[in-house]
Amino acid sequence: MTLSNALKKEMFWVMLLARRLDERAWVLHRQGKIAFHISGIGQEAAQVGAVYAIKKGKDWLVPYYRDLAMLIAMGMTPSEFVMSLLGKAPDPTSGARQMPSHFSMRHANVVSHSAPVATQSPHASGIGLGIKMDGGDAVVLTTIGEGATSQGEWYEAVNFAAVHKLPVIFLVENNQYAISVPQEKQMAVNSAADKACGLGLPGIKVDGTRVFEVYEAILEAVEKARNGEGATVIEAKMYRLTPHSSDDDDRSYRTREEVEKHKKQDPIILAKEALIDEGLLTEEEYEELDQKAKDEVDEAVKAGNEAPYPKGEDAATPVYAEEVNHG
């Protein structure tokens, strides 16, 4: 399926907006206004490309904590993200009860995940089994870092999906570091996609810095899953341009020269250049879009600062069971 020019520009806009929002989160942390931030800078192409290959509202997304651009592409607003960063009452993911970047959006079929890595993978396979048992043709997209593919939960989930031919796409966002551990020190194979072979699934490798290439790879896997042909493991290779989180000092395990080298493959720059080469964007239009993104982030931070904190008496709601309308 060929992307329209309008969709290409829209995907770039989402990437740019997510980048400026992510950058502002770092500033808020350094200002002492938020306690924690975990970043997706450098991974926007894989995230946005993947979301545009699924059907929003029909298909399911089970993300991981670094998927800010993915959630913006799914419809989360900058204001909603800032509410979670600041722990304000209007936070739509948990009412300020969960760590930031533990995303959920019930209306968009985005399932919340837990802090232990890889635990979202069995959830995705379980949803896929439910879809198959109901005779539906929805698809589940779930994401994970390459380090978490060494966890038992990931293997169990992928094996289960393979055995039962479930409509699940396991997207591995390989940013080359599992916190402070480089890939070669936590897996003996050359690629996380190579692990799929031993589980009876195709393992696809794609350049995770190229948004339109990721889109095409995910779209092919989605169509296969929707047609009842089972799951796929896709590895999108990119580079984590920031520390693991705001609590991490990445200077202890990688050089500044290494990081600067990879900045030349920044997915924002690559997408911008691709659009300019196709005649879909000019430098002047880019500057206007960039300013628009910064303005939206400014408005989101202003709204977050003005929003109230949760009331203490509401702390136990909705922790315990209650009747929930899933309609």
C-alpha atoms as a PDB file:
ATOM      1  CA  MET A   1       0.000   0.000   0.000  1.00  0.00           C
ATOM      2  CA  THR A   2       1.435   3.320  -1.054  1.00  0.00           C
ATOM      3  CA  LEU A   3       1.206   6.120   1.496  1.00  0.00           C
ATOM      4  CA  SER A   4      -0.427   9.315   0.313  1.00  0.00           C
ATOM      5  CA  ASN A   5       1.556  12.530   0.476  1.00  0.00           C
ATOM      6  CA  ALA A   6      -0.846  13.840   3.116  1.00  0.00           C
ATOM      7  CA  LEU A   7      -0.260  10.794   5.344  1.00  0.00           C
ATOM      8  CA  LYS A   8       3.502  11.090   4.986  1.00  0.00           C
ATOM      9  CA  LYS A   9       3.364  14.696   6.160  1.00  0.00           C
ATOM     10  CA  GLU A  10       1.010  13.745   8.989  1.00  0.00           C
ATOM     11  CA  MET A  11       3.382  11.023  10.188  1.00  0.00           C
ATOM     12  CA  PHE A  12       6.262  13.482  10.184  1.00  0.00           C
ATOM     13  CA  TRP A  13       4.194  15.961  12.187  1.00  0.00           C
ATOM     14  CA  VAL A  14       3.463  13.327  14.846  1.00  0.00           C
ATOM     15  CA  MET A  15       7.166  12.466  15.066  1.00  0.00           C
ATOM     16  CA  LEU A  16       8.090  16.115  15.440  1.00  0.00           C
ATOM     17  CA  LEU A  17       5.430  16.813  18.063  1.00  0.00           C
ATOM     18  CA  ALA A  18       6.498  13.771  20.098  1.00  0.00           C
ATOM     19  CA  ARG A  19      10.152  14.869  19.904  1.00  0.00           C
ATOM     20  CA  ARG A  20       9.443  18.373  21.189  1.00  0.00           C
ATOM     21  CA  LEU A  21       7.259  16.973  23.965  1.00  0.00           C
ATOM     22  CA  ASP A  22       9.945  14.475  24.947  1.00  0.00           C
ATOM     23  CA  GLU A  23      12.581  17.199  25.015  1.00  0.00           C
ATOM     24  CA  ARG A  24      10.391  19.361  27.249  1.00  0.00           C
ATOM     25  CA  ALA A  25       9.983  16.488  29.692  1.00  0.00           C
ATOM     26  CA  TRP A  26      13.751  16.455  30.153  1.00  0.00           C
ATOM     27  CA  VAL A  27      13.703  20.196  30.847  1.00  0.00           C
ATOM     28  CA  LEU A  28      10.910  19.776  33.410  1.00  0.00           C
ATOM     29  CA  HIS A  29      12.958  17.101  35.147  1.00  0.00           C
ATOM     30  CA  ARG A  30      16.085  19.231  35.245  1.00  0.00           C
ATOM     31  CA  GLN A  31      13.986  22.067  36.675  1.00  0.00           C
ATOM     32  CA  GLY A  32      12.879  19.781  39.482  1.00  0.00           C
ATOM     33  CA  LYS A  33       9.238  19.932  38.390  1.00  0.00           C
ATOM     34  CA  ILE A  34       8.846  16.205  37.686  1.00  0.00           C
ATOM     35  CA  ALA A  35      10.386  13.196  39.417  1.00  0.00           C
ATOM     36  CA  PHE A  36      11.081  10.923  36.480  1.00  0.00           C
ATOM     37  CA  HIS A  37      11.197  10.696  32.700  1.00  0.00           C
ATOM     38  CA  ILE A  38      12.003   7.838  30.332  1.00  0.00           C
ATOM     39  CA  SER A  39      12.614   8.927  26.773  1.00  0.00           C
ATOM     40  CA  GLY A  40      11.845   7.730  23.260  1.00  0.00           C
ATOM     41  CA  ILE A  41      14.115  10.182  21.466  1.00  0.00           C
ATOM     42  CA  GLY A  42      15.606   8.383  18.467  1.00  0.00           C
ATOM     43  CA  GLN A  43      12.814   5.819  18.284  1.00  0.00           C
ATOM     44  CA  GLU A  44       9.993   7.924  16.846  1.00  0.00           C
ATOM     45  CA  ALA A  45      10.195   6.514  13.318  1.00  0.00           C
ATOM     46  CA  ALA A  46       9.591   2.922  14.391  1.00  0.00           C
ATOM     47  CA  GLN A  47       6.758   3.911  16.695  1.00  0.00           C
ATOM     48  CA  VAL A  48       4.878   6.181  14.310  1.00  0.00           C
ATOM     49  CA  GLY A  49       5.422   3.931  11.300  1.00  0.00           C
ATOM     50  CA  ALA A  50       4.004   0.983  13.226  1.00  0.00           C
ATOM     51  CA  VAL A  51       0.857   2.759  14.431  1.00  0.00           C
ATOM     52  CA  TYR A  52      -0.056   4.002  10.969  1.00  0.00           C
ATOM     53  CA  ALA A  53      -0.024   0.402   9.730  1.00  0.00           C
ATOM     54  CA  ILE A  54      -2.796  -0.720  12.111  1.00  0.00           C
ATOM     55  CA  LYS A  55      -6.460   0.277  12.287  1.00  0.00           C
ATOM     56  CA  LYS A  56      -6.929   2.602  15.238  1.00  0.00           C
ATOM     57  CA  GLY A  57      -9.981   1.754  17.304  1.00  0.00           C
ATOM     58  CA  LYS A  58     -10.216  -1.743  15.873  1.00  0.00           C
ATOM     59  CA  ASP A  59      -6.782  -3.216  16.476  1.00  0.00           C
ATOM     60  CA  TRP A  60      -5.080  -3.430  19.874  1.00  0.00           C
ATOM     61  CA  LEU A  61      -1.840  -1.883  21.104  1.00  0.00           C
ATOM     62  CA  VAL A  62       0.142  -3.200  24.066  1.00  0.00           C
ATOM     63  CA  PRO A  63       3.088  -0.771  24.300  1.00  0.00           C
ATOM     64  CA  TYR A  64       6.108  -0.381  26.535  1.00  0.00           C
ATOM     65  CA  TYR A  65       7.312   2.607  28.497  1.00  0.00           C
ATOM     66  CA  ARG A  66       9.393   4.242  25.753  1.00  0.00           C
ATOM     67  CA  ASP A  67       6.509   4.565  23.284  1.00  0.00           C
ATOM     68  CA  LEU A  68       5.563   8.245  23.635  1.00  0.00           C
ATOM     69  CA  ALA A  69       5.486   8.862  19.854  1.00  0.00           C
ATOM     70  CA  MET A  70       3.355   5.745  19.427  1.00  0.00           C
ATOM     71  CA  LEU A  71       0.795   7.057  21.904  1.00  0.00           C
ATOM     72  CA  ILE A  72       0.738  10.502  20.294  1.00  0.00           C
ATOM     73  CA  ALA A  73       0.071   8.736  16.992  1.00  0.00           C
ATOM     74  CA  MET A  74      -2.778   6.845  18.673  1.00  0.00           C
ATOM     75  CA  GLY A  75      -4.395  10.107  19.748  1.00  0.00           C
ATOM     76  CA  MET A  76      -2.963  10.952  23.167  1.00  0.00           C
ATOM     77  CA  THR A  77      -2.561  14.721  23.468  1.00  0.00           C
ATOM     78  CA  PRO A  78       0.518  16.517  24.781  1.00  0.00           C
ATOM     79  CA  SER A  79      -1.632  17.843  27.625  1.00  0.00           C
ATOM     80  CA  GLU A  80      -2.647  14.322  28.661  1.00  0.00           C
ATOM     81  CA  PHE A  81       0.992  13.245  28.741  1.00  0.00           C
ATOM     82  CA  VAL A  82       2.034  16.279  30.786  1.00  0.00           C
ATOM     83  CA  MET A  83      -0.753  15.544  33.287  1.00  0.00           C
ATOM     84  CA  SER A  84       0.818  12.130  33.905  1.00  0.00           C
ATOM     85  CA  LEU A  85       4.319  13.621  34.183  1.00  0.00           C
ATOM     86  CA  LEU A  86       3.154  16.122  36.797  1.00  0.00           C
ATOM     87  CA  GLY A  87       0.911  13.666  38.642  1.00  0.00           C
ATOM     88  CA  LYS A  88      -2.181  15.777  38.132  1.00  0.00           C
ATOM     89  CA  ALA A  89      -5.769  14.594  38.582  1.00  0.00           C
ATOM     90  CA  PRO A  90      -6.774  14.783  34.885  1.00  0.00           C
ATOM     91  CA  ASP A  91      -4.110  12.187  33.949  1.00  0.00           C
ATOM     92  CA  PRO A  92      -6.172   9.833  31.738  1.00  0.00           C
ATOM     93  CA  THR A  93      -3.949   6.776  32.129  1.00  0.00           C
ATOM     94  CA  SER A  94      -4.266   6.257  35.865  1.00  0.00           C
ATOM     95  CA  GLY A  95      -5.541   9.409  37.542  1.00  0.00           C
ATOM     96  CA  ALA A  96      -1.950  10.101  38.661  1.00  0.00           C
ATOM     97  CA  ARG A  97      -1.552   6.701  40.355  1.00  0.00           C
ATOM     98  CA  GLN A  98       1.000   5.167  37.981  1.00  0.00           C
ATOM     99  CA  MET A  99       4.528   6.121  36.945  1.00  0.00           C
ATOM    100  CA  PRO A 100       4.669   8.384  33.879  1.00  0.00           C
ATOM    101  CA  SER A 101       4.902   6.604  30.518  1.00  0.00           C
ATOM    102  CA  HIS A 102       2.935   3.568  31.682  1.00  0.00           C
ATOM    103  CA  PHE A 103       0.387   4.259  29.001  1.00  0.00           C
ATOM    104  CA  SER A 104      -3.224   3.213  28.550  1.00  0.00           C
ATOM    105  CA  MET A 105      -6.146   4.473  26.469  1.00  0.00           C
ATOM    106  CA  ARG A 106      -9.258   2.365  26.887  1.00  0.00           C
ATOM    107  CA  HIS A 107     -11.164   4.106  24.077  1.00  0.00           C
ATOM    108  CA  ALA A 108      -8.334   3.333  21.635  1.00  0.00           C
ATOM    109  CA  ASN A 109      -7.658  -0.285  22.740  1.00  0.00           C
ATOM    110  CA  VAL A 110      -4.317   0.625  24.305  1.00  0.00           C
ATOM    111  CA  VAL A 111      -3.639  -1.717  27.220  1.00  0.00           C
ATOM    112  CA  SER A 112      -1.762  -0.581  30.318  1.00  0.00           C
ATOM    113  CA  HIS A 113       1.474  -2.332  31.184  1.00  0.00           C
ATOM    114  CA  SER A 114       3.486  -2.891  34.321  1.00  0.00           C
ATOM    115  CA  ALA A 115       7.004  -1.734  35.176  1.00  0.00           C
ATOM    116  CA  PRO A 116       8.663  -5.200  35.004  1.00  0.00           C
ATOM    117  CA  VAL A 117       9.857  -5.571  31.422  1.00  0.00           C
ATOM    118  CA  ALA A 118       8.317  -8.158  29.069  1.00  0.00           C
ATOM    119  CA  THR A 119       5.201  -8.698  31.174  1.00  0.00           C
ATOM    120  CA  GLN A 120       3.123  -6.988  28.477  1.00  0.00           C
ATOM    121  CA  SER A 121       3.971  -9.744  25.970  1.00  0.00           C
ATOM    122  CA  PRO A 122       1.703 -12.458  27.472  1.00  0.00           C
ATOM    123  CA  HIS A 123      -1.081  -9.871  27.670  1.00  0.00           C
ATOM    124  CA  ALA A 124      -0.766  -9.330  23.922  1.00  0.00           C
ATOM    125  CA  SER A 125      -0.920 -13.054  23.197  1.00  0.00           C
ATOM    126  CA  GLY A 126      -3.915 -13.400  25.489  1.00  0.00           C
ATOM    127  CA  ILE A 127      -5.751 -10.661  23.630  1.00  0.00           C
ATOM    128  CA  GLY A 128      -4.814 -12.341  20.359  1.00  0.00           C
ATOM    129  CA  LEU A 129      -6.262 -15.628  21.605  1.00  0.00           C
ATOM    130  CA  GLY A 130      -9.494 -13.865  22.569  1.00  0.00           C
ATOM    131  CA  ILE A 131      -9.760 -12.315  19.103  1.00  0.00           C
ATOM    132  CA  LYS A 132      -9.262 -15.708  17.458  1.00  0.00           C
ATOM    133  CA  MET A 133     -11.787 -17.431  19.734  1.00  0.00           C
ATOM    134  CA  ASP A 134     -14.355 -14.734  18.939  1.00  0.00           C
ATOM    135  CA  GLY A 135     -13.751 -15.125  15.215  1.00  0.00           C
ATOM    136  CA  GLY A 136     -12.655 -11.513  14.789  1.00  0.00           C
ATOM    137  CA  ASP A 137     -10.061 -10.100  12.424  1.00  0.00           C
ATOM    138  CA  ALA A 138      -8.463  -7.511  14.702  1.00  0.00           C
ATOM    139  CA  VAL A 139      -4.697  -7.534  15.206  1.00  0.00           C
ATOM    140  CA  VAL A 140      -2.538  -6.947  18.281  1.00  0.00           C
ATOM    141  CA  LEU A 141       0.646  -4.885  18.071  1.00  0.00           C
ATOM    142  CA  THR A 142       2.969  -5.144  21.060  1.00  0.00           C
ATOM    143  CA  THR A 143       6.380  -3.569  21.567  1.00  0.00           C
ATOM    144  CA  ILE A 144       9.457  -4.316  23.621  1.00  0.00           C
ATOM    145  CA  GLY A 145      13.122  -3.368  23.860  1.00  0.00           C
ATOM    146  CA  GLU A 146      15.727  -5.825  22.641  1.00  0.00           C
ATOM    147  CA  GLY A 147      17.011  -6.396  26.171  1.00  0.00           C
ATOM    148  CA  ALA A 148      13.607  -7.622  27.311  1.00  0.00           C
ATOM    149  CA  THR A 149      13.583 -10.303  24.599  1.00  0.00           C
ATOM    150  CA  SER A 150      15.917 -12.196  26.936  1.00  0.00           C
ATOM    151  CA  GLN A 151      13.119 -12.418  29.502  1.00  0.00           C
ATOM    152  CA  GLY A 152      11.105 -15.617  29.870  1.00  0.00           C
ATOM    153  CA  GLU A 153       7.766 -13.854  29.485  1.00  0.00           C
ATOM    154  CA  TRP A 154       8.651 -12.774  25.964  1.00  0.00           C
ATOM    155  CA  TYR A 155       9.589 -16.296  24.890  1.00  0.00           C
ATOM    156  CA  GLU A 156       6.452 -17.749  26.436  1.00  0.00           C
ATOM    157  CA  ALA A 157       4.243 -15.176  24.738  1.00  0.00           C
ATOM    158  CA  VAL A 158       5.855 -15.558  21.310  1.00  0.00           C
ATOM    159  CA  ASN A 159       5.824 -19.355  21.540  1.00  0.00           C
ATOM    160  CA  PHE A 160       2.135 -19.331  22.514  1.00  0.00           C
ATOM    161  CA  ALA A 161       1.299 -17.019  19.614  1.00  0.00           C
ATOM    162  CA  ALA A 162       3.263 -19.248  17.224  1.00  0.00           C
ATOM    163  CA  VAL A 163       1.596 -22.477  18.370  1.00  0.00           C
ATOM    164  CA  HIS A 164      -1.913 -21.052  18.143  1.00  0.00           C
ATOM    165  CA  LYS A 165      -1.340 -18.853  15.048  1.00  0.00           C
ATOM    166  CA  LEU A 166      -2.468 -15.737  16.862  1.00  0.00           C
ATOM    167  CA  PRO A 167      -2.841 -12.313  15.194  1.00  0.00           C
ATOM    168  CA  VAL A 168       0.015 -10.674  17.112  1.00  0.00           C
ATOM    169  CA  ILE A 169       2.915  -8.572  15.837  1.00  0.00           C
ATOM    170  CA  PHE A 170       5.862  -8.533  18.226  1.00  0.00           C
ATOM    171  CA  LEU A 171       7.785  -5.339  17.451  1.00  0.00           C
ATOM    172  CA  VAL A 172      11.268  -5.227  18.988  1.00  0.00           C
ATOM    173  CA  GLU A 173      12.567  -1.656  19.218  1.00  0.00           C
ATOM    174  CA  ASN A 174      16.272  -2.437  19.249  1.00  0.00           C
ATOM    175  CA  ASN A 175      17.922   0.734  20.521  1.00  0.00           C
ATOM    176  CA  GLN A 176      21.182  -1.183  21.131  1.00  0.00           C
ATOM    177  CA  TYR A 177      21.277  -0.815  24.923  1.00  0.00           C
ATOM    178  CA  ALA A 178      19.438  -2.747  27.632  1.00  0.00           C
ATOM    179  CA  ILE A 179      19.874   0.034  30.192  1.00  0.00           C
ATOM    180  CA  SER A 180      23.708   0.025  30.329  1.00  0.00           C
ATOM    181  CA  VAL A 181      24.288  -3.323  28.610  1.00  0.00           C
ATOM    182  CA  PRO A 182      25.062  -3.374  24.853  1.00  0.00           C
ATOM    183  CA  GLN A 183      23.355  -5.962  22.687  1.00  0.00           C
ATOM    184  CA  GLU A 184      26.374  -8.249  22.328  1.00  0.00           C
ATOM    185  CA  LYS A 185      26.550  -8.716  26.099  1.00  0.00           C
ATOM    186  CA  GLN A 186      22.972  -9.885  26.530  1.00  0.00           C
ATOM    187  CA  MET A 187      22.255 -11.980  23.426  1.00  0.00           C
ATOM    188  CA  ALA A 188      24.485 -14.344  21.454  1.00  0.00           C
ATOM    189  CA  VAL A 189      22.628 -13.931  18.157  1.00  0.00           C
ATOM    190  CA  ASN A 190      23.204 -11.011  15.821  1.00  0.00           C
ATOM    191  CA  SER A 191      19.631  -9.842  15.874  1.00  0.00           C
ATOM    192  CA  ALA A 192      16.541 -10.147  18.041  1.00  0.00           C
ATOM    193  CA  ALA A 193      14.662 -11.101  14.867  1.00  0.00           C
ATOM    194  CA  ASP A 194      16.855 -14.219  14.642  1.00  0.00           C
ATOM    195  CA  LYS A 195      15.174 -15.535  17.789  1.00  0.00           C
ATOM    196  CA  ALA A 196      11.911 -15.981  15.886  1.00  0.00           C
ATOM    197  CA  CYS A 197      13.258 -18.895  13.853  1.00  0.00           C
ATOM    198  CA  GLY A 198      13.572 -21.170  16.868  1.00  0.00           C
ATOM    199  CA  LEU A 199       9.961 -20.441  17.773  1.00  0.00           C
ATOM    200  CA  GLY A 200       8.597 -21.193  14.323  1.00  0.00           C
ATOM    201  CA  LEU A 201       7.886 -17.633  13.217  1.00  0.00           C
ATOM    202  CA  PRO A 202       9.257 -15.311  10.561  1.00  0.00           C
ATOM    203  CA  GLY A 203      11.735 -12.757  11.921  1.00  0.00           C
ATOM    204  CA  ILE A 204      11.849  -9.521   9.931  1.00  0.00           C
ATOM    205  CA  LYS A 205      14.560  -6.858  10.195  1.00  0.00           C
ATOM    206  CA  VAL A 206      13.885  -3.250   9.275  1.00  0.00           C
ATOM    207  CA  ASP A 207      15.709   0.075   9.573  1.00  0.00           C
ATOM    208  CA  GLY A 208      14.013   1.634  12.593  1.00  0.00           C
ATOM    209  CA  THR A 209      15.234   5.117  11.702  1.00  0.00           C
ATOM    210  CA  ARG A 210      13.158   5.172   8.491  1.00  0.00           C
ATOM    211  CA  VAL A 211       9.508   5.758   9.275  1.00  0.00           C
ATOM    212  CA  PHE A 212       8.108   4.743   5.898  1.00  0.00           C
ATOM    213  CA  GLU A 213      10.150   1.520   5.775  1.00  0.00           C
ATOM    214  CA  VAL A 214       8.819   0.545   9.192  1.00  0.00           C
ATOM    215  CA  TYR A 215       5.292   1.269   8.019  1.00  0.00           C
ATOM    216  CA  GLU A 216       5.643  -1.091   5.054  1.00  0.00           C
ATOM    217  CA  ALA A 217       7.125  -3.911   7.177  1.00  0.00           C
ATOM    218  CA  ILE A 218       4.435  -3.658   9.857  1.00  0.00           C
ATOM    219  CA  LEU A 219       1.658  -3.382   7.262  1.00  0.00           C
ATOM    220  CA  GLU A 220       2.724  -6.651   5.645  1.00  0.00           C
ATOM    221  CA  ALA A 221       2.723  -8.417   9.021  1.00  0.00           C
ATOM    222  CA  VAL A 222      -0.661  -6.908   9.918  1.00  0.00           C
ATOM    223  CA  GLU A 223      -2.265  -8.109   6.686  1.00  0.00           C
ATOM    224  CA  LYS A 224      -0.834 -11.574   7.258  1.00  0.00           C
ATOM    225  CA  ALA A 225      -2.172 -11.685  10.836  1.00  0.00           C
ATOM    226  CA  ARG A 226      -5.576 -10.372   9.754  1.00  0.00           C
ATOM    227  CA  ASN A 227      -5.809 -13.160   7.190  1.00  0.00           C
ATOM    228  CA  GLY A 228      -5.304 -15.831   9.832  1.00  0.00           C
ATOM    229  CA  GLU A 229      -1.654 -16.543   8.993  1.00  0.00           C
ATOM    230  CA  GLY A 230      -0.350 -15.968  12.509  1.00  0.00           C
ATOM    231  CA  ALA A 231       2.224 -13.881  14.298  1.00  0.00           C
ATOM    232  CA  THR A 232       5.428 -12.155  13.200  1.00  0.00           C
ATOM    233  CA  VAL A 233       8.489 -10.870  15.041  1.00  0.00           C
ATOM    234  CA  ILE A 234       9.824  -7.601  13.616  1.00  0.00           C
ATOM    235  CA  GLU A 235      13.041  -5.984  14.778  1.00  0.00           C
ATOM    236  CA  ALA A 236      13.426  -2.264  14.113  1.00  0.00           C
ATOM    237  CA  LYS A 237      17.029  -1.202  14.647  1.00  0.00           C
ATOM    238  CA  MET A 238      17.712   2.318  15.876  1.00  0.00           C
ATOM    239  CA  TYR A 239      19.767   4.036  18.573  1.00  0.00           C
ATOM    240  CA  ARG A 240      18.770   5.407  21.952  1.00  0.00           C
ATOM    241  CA  LEU A 241      20.032   8.998  21.785  1.00  0.00           C
ATOM    242  CA  THR A 242      19.334   9.741  25.461  1.00  0.00           C
ATOM    243  CA  PRO A 243      20.233   8.027  28.732  1.00  0.00           C
ATOM    244  CA  HIS A 244      18.040   5.080  29.716  1.00  0.00           C
ATOM    245  CA  SER A 245      16.023   7.389  31.965  1.00  0.00           C
ATOM    246  CA  SER A 246      16.405  10.547  33.990  1.00  0.00           C
ATOM    247  CA  ASP A 247      18.045   8.404  36.705  1.00  0.00           C
ATOM    248  CA  ASP A 248      20.773   7.121  34.367  1.00  0.00           C
ATOM    249  CA  ASP A 249      24.206   8.548  33.544  1.00  0.00           C
ATOM    250  CA  ASP A 250      25.036   6.990  30.179  1.00  0.00           C
ATOM    251  CA  ARG A 251      28.533   8.488  30.199  1.00  0.00           C
ATOM    252  CA  SER A 252      29.525   5.546  32.397  1.00  0.00           C
ATOM    253  CA  TYR A 253      29.024   3.005  29.600  1.00  0.00           C
ATOM    254  CA  ARG A 254      29.274   4.770  26.222  1.00  0.00           C
ATOM    255  CA  THR A 255      31.343   7.578  24.762  1.00  0.00           C
ATOM    256  CA  ARG A 256      30.064  10.969  23.631  1.00  0.00           C
ATOM    257  CA  GLU A 257      31.670  10.251  20.259  1.00  0.00           C
ATOM    258  CA  GLU A 258      29.454   7.198  19.826  1.00  0.00           C
ATOM    259  CA  VAL A 259      26.299   9.159  20.610  1.00  0.00           C
ATOM    260  CA  GLU A 260      27.272  12.023  18.303  1.00  0.00           C
ATOM    261  CA  LYS A 261      27.900   9.568  15.465  1.00  0.00           C
ATOM    262  CA  HIS A 262      24.408   8.139  15.781  1.00  0.00           C
ATOM    263  CA  LYS A 263      22.825  11.591  15.853  1.00  0.00           C
ATOM    264  CA  LYS A 264      23.546  11.702  12.122  1.00  0.00           C
ATOM    265  CA  GLN A 265      20.879   8.993  11.787  1.00  0.00           C
ATOM    266  CA  ASP A 266      18.302  10.905  13.818  1.00  0.00           C
ATOM    267  CA  PRO A 267      14.907   9.728  12.461  1.00  0.00           C
ATOM    268  CA  ILE A 268      13.514  13.277  12.538  1.00  0.00           C
ATOM    269  CA  ILE A 269      16.324  14.501  10.287  1.00  0.00           C
ATOM    270  CA  LEU A 270      15.989  11.506   7.959  1.00  0.00           C
ATOM    271  CA  ALA A 271      12.213  11.939   7.601  1.00  0.00           C
ATOM    272  CA  LYS A 272      12.591  15.667   7.027  1.00  0.00           C
ATOM    273  CA  GLU A 273      15.183  15.076   4.315  1.00  0.00           C
ATOM    274  CA  ALA A 274      13.010  12.429   2.666  1.00  0.00           C
ATOM    275  CA  LEU A 275      10.035  14.786   2.499  1.00  0.00           C
ATOM    276  CA  ILE A 276      12.175  17.630   1.137  1.00  0.00           C
ATOM    277  CA  ASP A 277      13.625  15.295  -1.503  1.00  0.00           C
ATOM    278  CA  GLU A 278      10.084  14.337  -2.566  1.00  0.00           C
ATOM    279  CA  GLY A 279       9.051  17.973  -2.771  1.00  0.00           C
ATOM    280  CA  LEU A 280       6.562  17.568   0.074  1.00  0.00           C
ATOM    281  CA  LEU A 281       8.266  19.931   2.516  1.00  0.00           C
ATOM    282  CA  THR A 282      10.367  23.080   2.408  1.00  0.00           C
ATOM    283  CA  GLU A 283      12.686  24.472   5.068  1.00  0.00           C
ATOM    284  CA  GLU A 284      10.210  27.297   5.670  1.00  0.00           C
ATOM    285  CA  GLU A 285       7.342  24.834   6.159  1.00  0.00           C
ATOM    286  CA  TYR A 286       9.500  22.794   8.512  1.00  0.00           C
ATOM    287  CA  GLU A 287      10.221  25.859  10.638  1.00  0.00           C
ATOM    288  CA  GLU A 288       6.495  26.589  10.821  1.00  0.00           C
ATOM    289  CA  LEU A 289       5.724  23.008  11.877  1.00  0.00           C
ATOM    290  CA  ASP A 290       8.486  23.069  14.450  1.00  0.00           C
ATOM    291  CA  GLN A 291       7.151  26.278  15.978  1.00  0.00           C
ATOM    292  CA  LYS A 292       3.634  24.837  15.999  1.00  0.00           C
ATOM    293  CA  ALA A 293       4.909  21.784  17.894  1.00  0.00           C
ATOM    294  CA  LYS A 294       6.702  23.959  20.438  1.00  0.00           C
ATOM    295  CA  ASP A 295       3.583  26.087  20.900  1.00  0.00           C
ATOM    296  CA  GLU A 296       1.438  23.001  21.527  1.00  0.00           C
ATOM    297  CA  VAL A 297       3.920  21.757  24.095  1.00  0.00           C
ATOM    298  CA  ASP A 298       3.921  25.181  25.793  1.00  0.00           C
ATOM    299  CA  GLU A 299       0.134  25.054  26.025  1.00  0.00           C
ATOM    300  CA  ALA A 300       0.244  21.513  27.408  1.00  0.00           C
ATOM    301  CA  VAL A 301       2.710  22.467  30.142  1.00  0.00           C
ATOM    302  CA  LYS A 302       0.633  25.515  31.031  1.00  0.00           C
ATOM    303  CA  ALA A 303      -2.495  23.368  31.336  1.00  0.00           C
ATOM    304  CA  GLY A 304      -0.587  20.828  33.425  1.00  0.00           C
ATOM    305  CA  ASN A 305       0.718  23.472  35.806  1.00  0.00           C
ATOM    306  CA  GLU A 306      -2.782  24.864  36.304  1.00  0.00           C
ATOM    307  CA  ALA A 307      -4.486  21.480  36.804  1.00  0.00           C
ATOM    308  CA  PRO A 308      -5.237  20.259  40.351  1.00  0.00           C
ATOM    309  CA  TYR A 309      -3.562  17.374  42.115  1.00  0.00           C
ATOM    310  CA  PRO A 310      -5.741  14.382  43.046  1.00  0.00           C
ATOM    311  CA  LYS A 311      -7.649  14.593  46.301  1.00  0.00           C
ATOM    312  CA  GLY A 312      -6.276  12.475  49.105  1.00  0.00           C
ATOM    313  CA  GLU A 313      -9.661  10.939  49.810  1.00  0.00           C
ATOM    314  CA  ASP A 314      -9.762   9.543  46.271  1.00  0.00           C
ATOM    315  CA  ALA A 315      -6.576   7.478  46.715  1.00  0.00           C
ATOM    316  CA  ALA A 316      -8.426   4.152  47.036  1.00  0.00           C
ATOM    317  CA  THR A 317     -10.611   4.746  43.976  1.00  0.00           C
ATOM    318  CA  PRO A 318     -10.614   2.860  41.638  1.00  0.00           C
ATOM    319  CA  VAL A 319      -8.055   0.553  43.253  1.00  0.00           C
ATOM    320  CA  TYR A 320     -10.683  -1.914  44.422  1.00  0.00           C
ATOM    321  CA  ALA A 321     -13.259  -3.713  42.280  1.00  0.00           C
ATOM    322  CA  GLU A 322     -16.155  -1.710  40.997  1.00  0.00           C
ATOM    323  CA  GLU A 323     -18.611  -1.912  38.165  1.00  0.00           C
ATOM    324  CA  VAL A 324     -17.048  -0.565  34.990  1.00  0.00           C
ATOM    325  CA  ASN A 325     -18.892   0.242  31.787  1.00  0.00           C
ATOM    326  CA  HIS A 326     -16.839  -1.220  28.933  1.00  0.00           C
ATOM    327  CA  GLY A 327     -19.246  -0.002  26.267  1.00  0.00           C
END
